[in-house]
Amino acid sequence: MLDSYTRFATQLSLEQIFVPFSLVQFKFTLTYI
């Protein structure tokens, strides 16, 4: 139970970190084209 919850929380935090990073990368790509 605790293991699955920890995995879920880790996935959420990873998405919260990765999504803004990919958005910034996408903006940079649009700027450089």
N, C-alpha and C. Protein backbone atom coordinates (compact mmCIF):
# COMPACT_ATOMS: atom_id res chain seq x y z
N MET A 1 0.83 -1.20 0.00
CA MET A 1 0.00 0.00 0.00
C MET A 1 0.87 1.25 0.00
N LEU A 2 1.79 1.29 0.95
CA LEU A 2 2.65 2.47 1.05
C LEU A 2 3.57 2.57 -0.16
N ASP A 3 4.00 1.40 -0.68
CA ASP A 3 4.91 1.40 -1.82
C ASP A 3 4.23 1.98 -3.06
N SER A 4 2.99 1.59 -3.30
CA SER A 4 2.28 2.09 -4.47
C SER A 4 2.00 3.59 -4.32
N TYR A 5 1.70 4.03 -3.10
CA TYR A 5 1.45 5.46 -2.88
C TYR A 5 2.73 6.27 -3.11
N THR A 6 3.85 5.72 -2.63
CA THR A 6 5.12 6.42 -2.83
C THR A 6 5.46 6.50 -4.31
N ARG A 7 5.20 5.42 -5.04
CA ARG A 7 5.47 5.41 -6.47
C ARG A 7 4.57 6.44 -7.18
N PHE A 8 3.31 6.53 -6.73
CA PHE A 8 2.38 7.48 -7.33
C PHE A 8 2.84 8.91 -7.06
N ALA A 9 3.26 9.20 -5.83
CA ALA A 9 3.72 10.54 -5.48
C ALA A 9 5.00 10.88 -6.25
N THR A 10 5.87 9.90 -6.42
CA THR A 10 7.10 10.14 -7.16
C THR A 10 6.80 10.46 -8.61
N GLN A 11 5.84 9.73 -9.19
CA GLN A 11 5.47 9.98 -10.58
C GLN A 11 4.87 11.37 -10.73
N LEU A 12 4.05 11.80 -9.76
CA LEU A 12 3.45 13.13 -9.82
C LEU A 12 4.53 14.20 -9.75
N SER A 13 5.48 14.06 -8.83
CA SER A 13 6.52 15.06 -8.68
C SER A 13 7.43 15.09 -9.91
N LEU A 14 7.69 13.92 -10.50
CA LEU A 14 8.50 13.88 -11.70
C LEU A 14 7.79 14.60 -12.85
N GLU A 15 6.48 14.43 -12.95
CA GLU A 15 5.73 15.11 -14.00
C GLU A 15 5.71 16.61 -13.75
N GLN A 16 5.60 17.03 -12.49
CA GLN A 16 5.60 18.46 -12.17
C GLN A 16 6.94 19.08 -12.52
N ILE A 17 8.02 18.31 -12.44
CA ILE A 17 9.33 18.83 -12.81
C ILE A 17 9.51 18.79 -14.32
N PHE A 18 9.07 17.70 -14.96
CA PHE A 18 9.37 17.47 -16.37
C PHE A 18 8.52 18.33 -17.29
N VAL A 19 7.25 18.54 -16.94
CA VAL A 19 6.35 19.28 -17.83
C VAL A 19 6.80 20.73 -18.03
N PRO A 20 7.09 21.52 -16.99
CA PRO A 20 7.57 22.88 -17.23
C PRO A 20 8.90 22.89 -18.00
N PHE A 21 9.75 21.90 -17.73
CA PHE A 21 11.03 21.84 -18.43
C PHE A 21 10.83 21.62 -19.93
N SER A 22 9.92 20.73 -20.29
CA SER A 22 9.65 20.47 -21.70
C SER A 22 8.98 21.68 -22.34
N LEU A 23 8.15 22.40 -21.59
CA LEU A 23 7.53 23.61 -22.12
C LEU A 23 8.58 24.67 -22.41
N VAL A 24 9.54 24.83 -21.50
CA VAL A 24 10.62 25.80 -21.71
C VAL A 24 11.45 25.39 -22.91
N GLN A 25 11.73 24.10 -23.02
CA GLN A 25 12.50 23.60 -24.15
C GLN A 25 11.75 23.84 -25.46
N PHE A 26 10.44 23.69 -25.42
CA PHE A 26 9.61 23.92 -26.61
C PHE A 26 9.64 25.40 -27.00
N LYS A 27 9.62 26.29 -26.00
CA LYS A 27 9.70 27.72 -26.29
C LYS A 27 11.05 28.06 -26.91
N PHE A 28 12.11 27.49 -26.38
CA PHE A 28 13.43 27.73 -26.95
C PHE A 28 13.52 27.24 -28.38
N THR A 29 12.90 26.09 -28.64
CA THR A 29 12.91 25.54 -30.00
C THR A 29 12.18 26.48 -30.95
N LEU A 30 11.04 27.01 -30.52
CA LEU A 30 10.29 27.95 -31.36
C LEU A 30 11.10 29.23 -31.58
N THR A 31 11.84 29.65 -30.55
CA THR A 31 12.61 30.89 -30.68
C THR A 31 13.76 30.73 -31.66
N TYR A 32 14.39 29.57 -31.64
CA TYR A 32 15.58 29.38 -32.47
C TYR A 32 15.27 29.05 -33.92
N ILE A 33 14.02 28.64 -34.20
CA ILE A 33 13.68 28.29 -35.59
C ILE A 33 13.53 29.58 -36.40
